[in-house]
Amino acid sequence: GIEVVFCGFDNDAQVWKSLRAGVESVASASYLSTLNEVDFE
């Protein structure tokens, strides 16, 4: 299968959080808006 992290949003810190998520665990909306796109499968 595929492991999907349904992230929770921390309103105080304004970041998305996960329990365990591969190689990152916290990310801001501004950071996520700058990500590169890749071809995956």
All heavy atoms as atom14 arrays in JSON, in Angstrom:
{
  "sequence": "GIEVVFCGFDNDAQVWKSLRAGVESVASASYLSTLNEVDFE",
  "atom14_mask": [
    [1, 1, 1, 1, 0, 0, 0, 0, 0, 0, 0, 0, 0, 0],
    [1, 1, 1, 1, 1, 1, 1, 1, 0, 0, 0, 0, 0, 0],
    [1, 1, 1, 1, 1, 1, 1, 1, 1, 0, 0, 0, 0, 0],
    [1, 1, 1, 1, 1, 1, 1, 0, 0, 0, 0, 0, 0, 0],
    [1, 1, 1, 1, 1, 1, 1, 0, 0, 0, 0, 0, 0, 0],
    [1, 1, 1, 1, 1, 1, 1, 1, 1, 1, 1, 0, 0, 0],
    [1, 1, 1, 1, 1, 1, 0, 0, 0, 0, 0, 0, 0, 0],
    [1, 1, 1, 1, 0, 0, 0, 0, 0, 0, 0, 0, 0, 0],
    [1, 1, 1, 1, 1, 1, 1, 1, 1, 1, 1, 0, 0, 0],
    [1, 1, 1, 1, 1, 1, 1, 1, 0, 0, 0, 0, 0, 0],
    [1, 1, 1, 1, 1, 1, 1, 1, 0, 0, 0, 0, 0, 0],
    [1, 1, 1, 1, 1, 1, 1, 1, 0, 0, 0, 0, 0, 0],
    [1, 1, 1, 1, 1, 0, 0, 0, 0, 0, 0, 0, 0, 0],
    [1, 1, 1, 1, 1, 1, 1, 1, 1, 0, 0, 0, 0, 0],
    [1, 1, 1, 1, 1, 1, 1, 0, 0, 0, 0, 0, 0, 0],
    [1, 1, 1, 1, 1, 1, 1, 1, 1, 1, 1, 1, 1, 1],
    [1, 1, 1, 1, 1, 1, 1, 1, 1, 0, 0, 0, 0, 0],
    [1, 1, 1, 1, 1, 1, 0, 0, 0, 0, 0, 0, 0, 0],
    [1, 1, 1, 1, 1, 1, 1, 1, 0, 0, 0, 0, 0, 0],
    [1, 1, 1, 1, 1, 1, 1, 1, 1, 1, 1, 0, 0, 0],
    [1, 1, 1, 1, 1, 0, 0, 0, 0, 0, 0, 0, 0, 0],
    [1, 1, 1, 1, 0, 0, 0, 0, 0, 0, 0, 0, 0, 0],
    [1, 1, 1, 1, 1, 1, 1, 0, 0, 0, 0, 0, 0, 0],
    [1, 1, 1, 1, 1, 1, 1, 1, 1, 0, 0, 0, 0, 0],
    [1, 1, 1, 1, 1, 1, 0, 0, 0, 0, 0, 0, 0, 0],
    [1, 1, 1, 1, 1, 1, 1, 0, 0, 0, 0, 0, 0, 0],
    [1, 1, 1, 1, 1, 0, 0, 0, 0, 0, 0, 0, 0, 0],
    [1, 1, 1, 1, 1, 1, 0, 0, 0, 0, 0, 0, 0, 0],
    [1, 1, 1, 1, 1, 0, 0, 0, 0, 0, 0, 0, 0, 0],
    [1, 1, 1, 1, 1, 1, 0, 0, 0, 0, 0, 0, 0, 0],
    [1, 1, 1, 1, 1, 1, 1, 1, 1, 1, 1, 1, 0, 0],
    [1, 1, 1, 1, 1, 1, 1, 1, 0, 0, 0, 0, 0, 0],
    [1, 1, 1, 1, 1, 1, 0, 0, 0, 0, 0, 0, 0, 0],
    [1, 1, 1, 1, 1, 1, 1, 0, 0, 0, 0, 0, 0, 0],
    [1, 1, 1, 1, 1, 1, 1, 1, 0, 0, 0, 0, 0, 0],
    [1, 1, 1, 1, 1, 1, 1, 1, 0, 0, 0, 0, 0, 0],
    [1, 1, 1, 1, 1, 1, 1, 1, 1, 0, 0, 0, 0, 0],
    [1, 1, 1, 1, 1, 1, 1, 0, 0, 0, 0, 0, 0, 0],
    [1, 1, 1, 1, 1, 1, 1, 1, 0, 0, 0, 0, 0, 0],
    [1, 1, 1, 1, 1, 1, 1, 1, 1, 1, 1, 0, 0, 0],
    [1, 1, 1, 1, 1, 1, 1, 1, 1, 0, 0, 0, 0, 0]
  ],
  "atom14_positions": [
    [[0.8, -1.22, 0.0], [0.0, 0.0, 0.0], [0.83, 1.27, 0.0], [2.03, 1.27, -0.29], [0.0, 0.0, 0.0], [0.0, 0.0, 0.0], [0.0, 0.0, 0.0], [0.0, 0.0, 0.0], [0.0, 0.0, 0.0], [0.0, 0.0, 0.0], [0.0, 0.0, 0.0], [0.0, 0.0, 0.0], [0.0, 0.0, 0.0], [0.0, 0.0, 0.0]],
    [[0.16, 2.36, 0.34], [0.78, 3.68, 0.45], [0.5, 4.21, 1.85], [-0.62, 4.1, 2.35], [0.22, 4.65, -0.61], [0.66, 4.19, -2.01], [0.68, 6.09, -0.36], [0.07, 5.0, -3.14], [0.0, 0.0, 0.0], [0.0, 0.0, 0.0], [0.0, 0.0, 0.0], [0.0, 0.0, 0.0], [0.0, 0.0, 0.0], [0.0, 0.0, 0.0]],
    [[1.52, 4.74, 2.49], [1.34, 5.31, 3.82], [0.96, 6.78, 3.68], [1.69, 7.55, 3.06], [2.6, 5.11, 4.66], [2.93, 3.62, 4.85], [4.03, 3.36, 5.86], [4.12, 4.12, 6.85], [4.79, 2.39, 5.66], [0.0, 0.0, 0.0], [0.0, 0.0, 0.0], [0.0, 0.0, 0.0], [0.0, 0.0, 0.0], [0.0, 0.0, 0.0]],
    [[-0.18, 7.12, 4.24], [-0.7, 8.49, 4.15], [-0.77, 9.08, 5.54], [-1.36, 8.49, 6.45], [-2.08, 8.52, 3.48], [-2.63, 9.95, 3.47], [-2.01, 7.97, 2.07], [0.0, 0.0, 0.0], [0.0, 0.0, 0.0], [0.0, 0.0, 0.0], [0.0, 0.0, 0.0], [0.0, 0.0, 0.0], [0.0, 0.0, 0.0], [0.0, 0.0, 0.0]],
    [[-0.15, 10.25, 5.72], [-0.21, 10.97, 6.98], [-1.28, 12.05, 6.87], [-1.15, 12.97, 6.06], [1.15, 11.61, 7.31], [1.07, 12.35, 8.65], [2.24, 10.57, 7.35], [0.0, 0.0, 0.0], [0.0, 0.0, 0.0], [0.0, 0.0, 0.0], [0.0, 0.0, 0.0], [0.0, 0.0, 0.0], [0.0, 0.0, 0.0], [0.0, 0.0, 0.0]],
    [[-2.35, 11.89, 7.63], [-3.36, 12.94, 7.7], [-2.89, 13.93, 8.76], [-3.0, 13.69, 9.96], [-4.72, 12.33, 8.06], [-5.32, 11.54, 6.94], [-5.05, 10.19, 6.81], [-6.13, 12.16, 5.99], [-5.6, 9.44, 5.77], [-6.67, 11.42, 4.94], [-6.4, 10.07, 4.84], [0.0, 0.0, 0.0], [0.0, 0.0, 0.0], [0.0, 0.0, 0.0]],
    [[-2.29, 15.01, 8.3], [-1.62, 15.95, 9.2], [-2.62, 16.77, 10.0], [-3.72, 17.09, 9.53], [-0.72, 16.88, 8.39], [0.63, 16.03, 7.55], [0.0, 0.0, 0.0], [0.0, 0.0, 0.0], [0.0, 0.0, 0.0], [0.0, 0.0, 0.0], [0.0, 0.0, 0.0], [0.0, 0.0, 0.0], [0.0, 0.0, 0.0], [0.0, 0.0, 0.0]],
    [[-2.2, 17.14, 11.21], [-2.97, 18.07, 12.02], [-2.4, 19.47, 11.88], [-1.2, 19.65, 11.68], [0.0, 0.0, 0.0], [0.0, 0.0, 0.0], [0.0, 0.0, 0.0], [0.0, 0.0, 0.0], [0.0, 0.0, 0.0], [0.0, 0.0, 0.0], [0.0, 0.0, 0.0], [0.0, 0.0, 0.0], [0.0, 0.0, 0.0], [0.0, 0.0, 0.0]],
    [[-3.26, 20.47, 12.0], [-2.79, 21.85, 11.85], [-2.73, 22.52, 13.21], [-3.69, 22.5, 13.99], [-3.71, 22.65, 10.93], [-3.16, 24.0, 10.56], [-2.1, 24.11, 9.68], [-3.69, 25.16, 11.12], [-1.58, 25.35, 9.33], [-3.18, 26.41, 10.77], [-2.12, 26.5, 9.88], [0.0, 0.0, 0.0], [0.0, 0.0, 0.0], [0.0, 0.0, 0.0]],
    [[-1.55, 23.09, 13.53], [-1.33, 23.81, 14.78], [-1.6, 25.29, 14.53], [-0.8, 25.98, 13.88], [0.11, 23.58, 15.24], [0.4, 24.2, 16.61], [-0.24, 25.21, 16.96], [1.28, 23.67, 17.3], [0.0, 0.0, 0.0], [0.0, 0.0, 0.0], [0.0, 0.0, 0.0], [0.0, 0.0, 0.0], [0.0, 0.0, 0.0], [0.0, 0.0, 0.0]],
    [[-2.74, 25.78, 15.02], [-3.12, 27.16, 14.76], [-2.17, 28.15, 15.41], [-1.92, 29.23, 14.86], [-4.55, 27.42, 15.27], [-5.59, 26.84, 14.33], [-5.66, 27.22, 13.17], [-6.4, 25.91, 14.84], [0.0, 0.0, 0.0], [0.0, 0.0, 0.0], [0.0, 0.0, 0.0], [0.0, 0.0, 0.0], [0.0, 0.0, 0.0], [0.0, 0.0, 0.0]],
    [[-1.64, 27.8, 16.58], [-0.73, 28.72, 17.27], [0.58, 28.9, 16.5], [1.04, 30.03, 16.3], [-0.43, 28.19, 18.68], [-1.66, 28.2, 19.57], [-2.56, 29.04, 19.33], [-1.74, 27.35, 20.48], [0.0, 0.0, 0.0], [0.0, 0.0, 0.0], [0.0, 0.0, 0.0], [0.0, 0.0, 0.0], [0.0, 0.0, 0.0], [0.0, 0.0, 0.0]],
    [[1.17, 27.78, 16.06], [2.44, 27.85, 15.33], [2.24, 28.01, 13.83], [3.21, 28.28, 13.11], [3.26, 26.6, 15.61], [0.0, 0.0, 0.0], [0.0, 0.0, 0.0], [0.0, 0.0, 0.0], [0.0, 0.0, 0.0], [0.0, 0.0, 0.0], [0.0, 0.0, 0.0], [0.0, 0.0, 0.0], [0.0, 0.0, 0.0], [0.0, 0.0, 0.0]],
    [[1.0, 27.84, 13.36], [0.69, 27.93, 11.93], [1.54, 26.96, 11.1], [2.13, 27.31, 10.09], [0.9, 29.37, 11.42], [-0.11, 30.37, 11.96], [-1.52, 30.1, 11.42], [-1.76, 30.23, 10.22], [-2.44, 29.74, 12.31], [0.0, 0.0, 0.0], [0.0, 0.0, 0.0], [0.0, 0.0, 0.0], [0.0, 0.0, 0.0], [0.0, 0.0, 0.0]],
    [[1.54, 25.7, 11.57], [2.27, 24.65, 10.85], [1.44, 23.38, 10.81], [0.57, 23.15, 11.66], [3.64, 24.34, 11.53], [4.57, 25.54, 11.44], [3.44, 23.9, 12.97], [0.0, 0.0, 0.0], [0.0, 0.0, 0.0], [0.0, 0.0, 0.0], [0.0, 0.0, 0.0], [0.0, 0.0, 0.0], [0.0, 0.0, 0.0], [0.0, 0.0, 0.0]],
    [[1.71, 22.56, 9.79], [1.14, 21.23, 9.7], [2.08, 20.28, 10.43], [3.29, 20.35, 10.3], [0.99, 20.79, 8.25], [-0.06, 21.55, 7.5], [0.12, 22.62, 6.69], [-1.46, 21.28, 7.5], [-1.07, 23.06, 6.18], [-2.08, 22.25, 6.66], [-2.28, 20.34, 8.13], [-3.44, 22.29, 6.43], [-3.65, 20.37, 7.9], [-4.22, 21.34, 7.06]],
    [[1.48, 19.33, 11.21], [2.28, 18.39, 11.98], [1.84, 16.96, 11.68], [0.68, 16.7, 11.37], [2.13, 18.65, 13.48], [2.79, 19.93, 13.97], [2.69, 20.02, 15.49], [3.46, 21.23, 16.01], [3.38, 21.31, 17.5], [0.0, 0.0, 0.0], [0.0, 0.0, 0.0], [0.0, 0.0, 0.0], [0.0, 0.0, 0.0], [0.0, 0.0, 0.0]],
    [[2.8, 16.04, 11.81], [2.49, 14.62, 11.62], [3.08, 13.81, 12.77], [3.95, 14.29, 13.5], [3.06, 14.11, 10.3], [4.48, 14.05, 10.39], [0.0, 0.0, 0.0], [0.0, 0.0, 0.0], [0.0, 0.0, 0.0], [0.0, 0.0, 0.0], [0.0, 0.0, 0.0], [0.0, 0.0, 0.0], [0.0, 0.0, 0.0], [0.0, 0.0, 0.0]],
    [[2.59, 12.58, 12.93], [3.14, 11.7, 13.95], [4.51, 11.19, 13.52], [5.48, 11.28, 14.23], [2.2, 10.51, 14.18], [0.87, 10.84, 14.85], [-0.01, 9.6, 14.89], [1.11, 11.33, 16.27], [0.0, 0.0, 0.0], [0.0, 0.0, 0.0], [0.0, 0.0, 0.0], [0.0, 0.0, 0.0], [0.0, 0.0, 0.0], [0.0, 0.0, 0.0]],
    [[4.57, 10.61, 12.35], [5.82, 10.17, 11.74], [5.61, 10.24, 10.25], [4.6, 9.8, 9.73], [6.2, 8.75, 12.18], [5.14, 7.7, 11.95], [5.58, 6.35, 12.55], [4.55, 5.34, 12.41], [4.48, 4.46, 11.42], [5.37, 4.49, 10.46], [3.53, 3.54, 11.39], [0.0, 0.0, 0.0], [0.0, 0.0, 0.0], [0.0, 0.0, 0.0]],
    [[6.52, 10.83, 9.56], [6.24, 11.13, 8.16], [7.48, 11.04, 7.29], [7.87, 11.98, 6.63], [5.65, 12.53, 8.04], [0.0, 0.0, 0.0], [0.0, 0.0, 0.0], [0.0, 0.0, 0.0], [0.0, 0.0, 0.0], [0.0, 0.0, 0.0], [0.0, 0.0, 0.0], [0.0, 0.0, 0.0], [0.0, 0.0, 0.0], [0.0, 0.0, 0.0]],
    [[8.09, 9.89, 7.28], [9.25, 9.76, 6.43], [10.41, 10.57, 6.96], [10.97, 10.26, 7.99], [0.0, 0.0, 0.0], [0.0, 0.0, 0.0], [0.0, 0.0, 0.0], [0.0, 0.0, 0.0], [0.0, 0.0, 0.0], [0.0, 0.0, 0.0], [0.0, 0.0, 0.0], [0.0, 0.0, 0.0], [0.0, 0.0, 0.0], [0.0, 0.0, 0.0]],
    [[10.74, 11.66, 6.31], [11.94, 12.4, 6.67], [11.65, 13.82, 7.14], [12.57, 14.6, 7.36], [12.93, 12.44, 5.48], [13.49, 11.05, 5.22], [12.27, 12.99, 4.23], [0.0, 0.0, 0.0], [0.0, 0.0, 0.0], [0.0, 0.0, 0.0], [0.0, 0.0, 0.0], [0.0, 0.0, 0.0], [0.0, 0.0, 0.0], [0.0, 0.0, 0.0]],
    [[10.39, 14.2, 7.29], [10.01, 15.49, 7.88], [8.8, 15.3, 8.77], [8.01, 14.36, 8.59], [9.72, 16.53, 6.79], [10.95, 16.91, 5.97], [10.74, 18.16, 5.13], [10.09, 19.1, 5.6], [11.22, 18.17, 3.98], [0.0, 0.0, 0.0], [0.0, 0.0, 0.0], [0.0, 0.0, 0.0], [0.0, 0.0, 0.0], [0.0, 0.0, 0.0]],
    [[8.61, 16.2, 9.75], [7.48, 16.06, 10.66], [6.69, 17.34, 10.87], [5.57, 17.3, 11.36], [7.96, 15.54, 12.02], [8.91, 16.44, 12.58], [0.0, 0.0, 0.0], [0.0, 0.0, 0.0], [0.0, 0.0, 0.0], [0.0, 0.0, 0.0], [0.0, 0.0, 0.0], [0.0, 0.0, 0.0], [0.0, 0.0, 0.0], [0.0, 0.0, 0.0]],
    [[7.26, 18.49, 10.51], [6.58, 19.78, 10.68], [6.85, 20.62, 9.44], [7.97, 20.64, 8.92], [7.1, 20.53, 11.94], [6.43, 21.88, 12.06], [6.86, 19.7, 13.19], [0.0, 0.0, 0.0], [0.0, 0.0, 0.0], [0.0, 0.0, 0.0], [0.0, 0.0, 0.0], [0.0, 0.0, 0.0], [0.0, 0.0, 0.0], [0.0, 0.0, 0.0]],
    [[5.82, 21.31, 8.97], [6.0, 22.17, 7.79], [4.99, 23.31, 7.81], [3.8, 23.1, 8.1], [5.83, 21.36, 6.51], [0.0, 0.0, 0.0], [0.0, 0.0, 0.0], [0.0, 0.0, 0.0], [0.0, 0.0, 0.0], [0.0, 0.0, 0.0], [0.0, 0.0, 0.0], [0.0, 0.0, 0.0], [0.0, 0.0, 0.0], [0.0, 0.0, 0.0]],
    [[5.46, 24.49, 7.48], [4.57, 25.65, 7.39], [3.92, 25.7, 6.02], [4.43, 25.12, 5.04], [5.35, 26.94, 7.63], [6.28, 27.15, 6.56], [0.0, 0.0, 0.0], [0.0, 0.0, 0.0], [0.0, 0.0, 0.0], [0.0, 0.0, 0.0], [0.0, 0.0, 0.0], [0.0, 0.0, 0.0], [0.0, 0.0, 0.0], [0.0, 0.0, 0.0]],
    [[2.8, 26.39, 5.93], [2.1, 26.51, 4.66], [2.97, 27.23, 3.63], [2.96, 26.91, 2.44], [0.78, 27.25, 4.86], [0.0, 0.0, 0.0], [0.0, 0.0, 0.0], [0.0, 0.0, 0.0], [0.0, 0.0, 0.0], [0.0, 0.0, 0.0], [0.0, 0.0, 0.0], [0.0, 0.0, 0.0], [0.0, 0.0, 0.0], [0.0, 0.0, 0.0]],
    [[3.73, 28.23, 4.08], [4.59, 28.97, 3.15], [5.68, 28.08, 2.57], [6.01, 28.16, 1.39], [5.2, 30.18, 3.85], [5.98, 29.78, 4.97], [0.0, 0.0, 0.0], [0.0, 0.0, 0.0], [0.0, 0.0, 0.0], [0.0, 0.0, 0.0], [0.0, 0.0, 0.0], [0.0, 0.0, 0.0], [0.0, 0.0, 0.0], [0.0, 0.0, 0.0]],
    [[6.25, 27.21, 3.42], [7.26, 26.26, 2.94], [6.65, 25.29, 1.93], [7.23, 25.04, 0.86], [7.85, 25.5, 4.13], [8.57, 24.22, 3.76], [9.77, 24.25, 3.06], [8.05, 22.99, 4.14], [10.42, 23.07, 2.73], [8.7, 21.81, 3.82], [9.89, 21.85, 3.12], [10.53, 20.69, 2.8], [0.0, 0.0, 0.0], [0.0, 0.0, 0.0]],
    [[5.48, 24.76, 2.22], [4.85, 23.8, 1.33], [4.53, 24.42, -0.03], [4.53, 23.72, -1.05], [3.58, 23.25, 1.97], [3.78, 22.38, 3.23], [2.43, 22.02, 3.84], [4.58, 21.13, 2.91], [0.0, 0.0, 0.0], [0.0, 0.0, 0.0], [0.0, 0.0, 0.0], [0.0, 0.0, 0.0], [0.0, 0.0, 0.0], [0.0, 0.0, 0.0]],
    [[4.3, 25.73, -0.05], [3.96, 26.39, -1.32], [5.16, 26.54, -2.24], [4.99, 26.85, -3.43], [3.35, 27.76, -1.04], [4.32, 28.64, -0.48], [0.0, 0.0, 0.0], [0.0, 0.0, 0.0], [0.0, 0.0, 0.0], [0.0, 0.0, 0.0], [0.0, 0.0, 0.0], [0.0, 0.0, 0.0], [0.0, 0.0, 0.0], [0.0, 0.0, 0.0]],
    [[6.38, 26.31, -1.73], [7.59, 26.5, -2.53], [8.16, 25.19, -3.08], [9.18, 25.21, -3.76], [8.68, 27.18, -1.68], [9.08, 26.28, -0.62], [8.17, 28.49, -1.09], [0.0, 0.0, 0.0], [0.0, 0.0, 0.0], [0.0, 0.0, 0.0], [0.0, 0.0, 0.0], [0.0, 0.0, 0.0], [0.0, 0.0, 0.0], [0.0, 0.0, 0.0]],
    [[7.52, 24.06, -2.8], [8.1, 22.76, -3.15], [8.13, 22.51, -4.65], [7.24, 22.97, -5.39], [7.32, 21.65, -2.46], [7.3, 21.67, -0.93], [6.47, 20.51, -0.4], [8.71, 21.64, -0.35], [0.0, 0.0, 0.0], [0.0, 0.0, 0.0], [0.0, 0.0, 0.0], [0.0, 0.0, 0.0], [0.0, 0.0, 0.0], [0.0, 0.0, 0.0]],
    [[9.14, 21.76, -5.06], [9.22, 21.34, -6.46], [8.26, 20.18, -6.71], [7.96, 19.4, -5.8], [10.64, 20.88, -6.79], [11.65, 22.01, -6.69], [11.36, 23.14, -7.06], [12.84, 21.69, -6.21], [0.0, 0.0, 0.0], [0.0, 0.0, 0.0], [0.0, 0.0, 0.0], [0.0, 0.0, 0.0], [0.0, 0.0, 0.0], [0.0, 0.0, 0.0]],
    [[7.82, 20.05, -7.94], [7.02, 18.91, -8.33], [7.91, 17.89, -9.02], [8.86, 18.25, -9.74], [5.87, 19.31, -9.28], [4.7, 19.95, -8.59], [3.46, 19.99, -9.48], [3.6, 19.72, -10.7], [2.37, 20.27, -8.96], [0.0, 0.0, 0.0], [0.0, 0.0, 0.0], [0.0, 0.0, 0.0], [0.0, 0.0, 0.0], [0.0, 0.0, 0.0]],
    [[7.62, 16.61, -8.8], [8.39, 15.54, -9.43], [7.43, 14.53, -10.04], [6.25, 14.47, -9.69], [9.31, 14.83, -8.4], [10.37, 15.77, -7.87], [8.48, 14.22, -7.27], [0.0, 0.0, 0.0], [0.0, 0.0, 0.0], [0.0, 0.0, 0.0], [0.0, 0.0, 0.0], [0.0, 0.0, 0.0], [0.0, 0.0, 0.0], [0.0, 0.0, 0.0]],
    [[7.96, 13.74, -10.97], [7.2, 12.62, -11.5], [7.45, 11.43, -10.58], [8.59, 10.99, -10.37], [7.67, 12.27, -12.92], [7.22, 13.31, -13.93], [6.01, 13.6, -13.95], [8.07, 13.82, -14.67], [0.0, 0.0, 0.0], [0.0, 0.0, 0.0], [0.0, 0.0, 0.0], [0.0, 0.0, 0.0], [0.0, 0.0, 0.0], [0.0, 0.0, 0.0]],
    [[6.38, 10.89, -10.03], [6.49, 9.73, -9.16], [5.46, 8.7, -9.58], [4.25, 8.94, -9.49], [6.28, 10.11, -7.69], [6.5, 8.97, -6.73], [7.79, 8.57, -6.39], [5.42, 8.29, -6.19], [8.0, 7.51, -5.53], [5.62, 7.22, -5.32], [6.92, 6.83, -4.99], [0.0, 0.0, 0.0], [0.0, 0.0, 0.0], [0.0, 0.0, 0.0]],
    [[5.94, 7.6, -10.11], [5.07, 6.52, -10.58], [3.99, 7.03, -11.52], [2.82, 6.65, -11.43], [4.45, 5.77, -9.39], [5.45, 5.12, -8.47], [6.38, 4.16, -9.19], [5.9, 3.42, -10.06], [7.59, 4.17, -8.89], [0.0, 0.0, 0.0], [0.0, 0.0, 0.0], [0.0, 0.0, 0.0], [0.0, 0.0, 0.0], [0.0, 0.0, 0.0]]
  ]
}
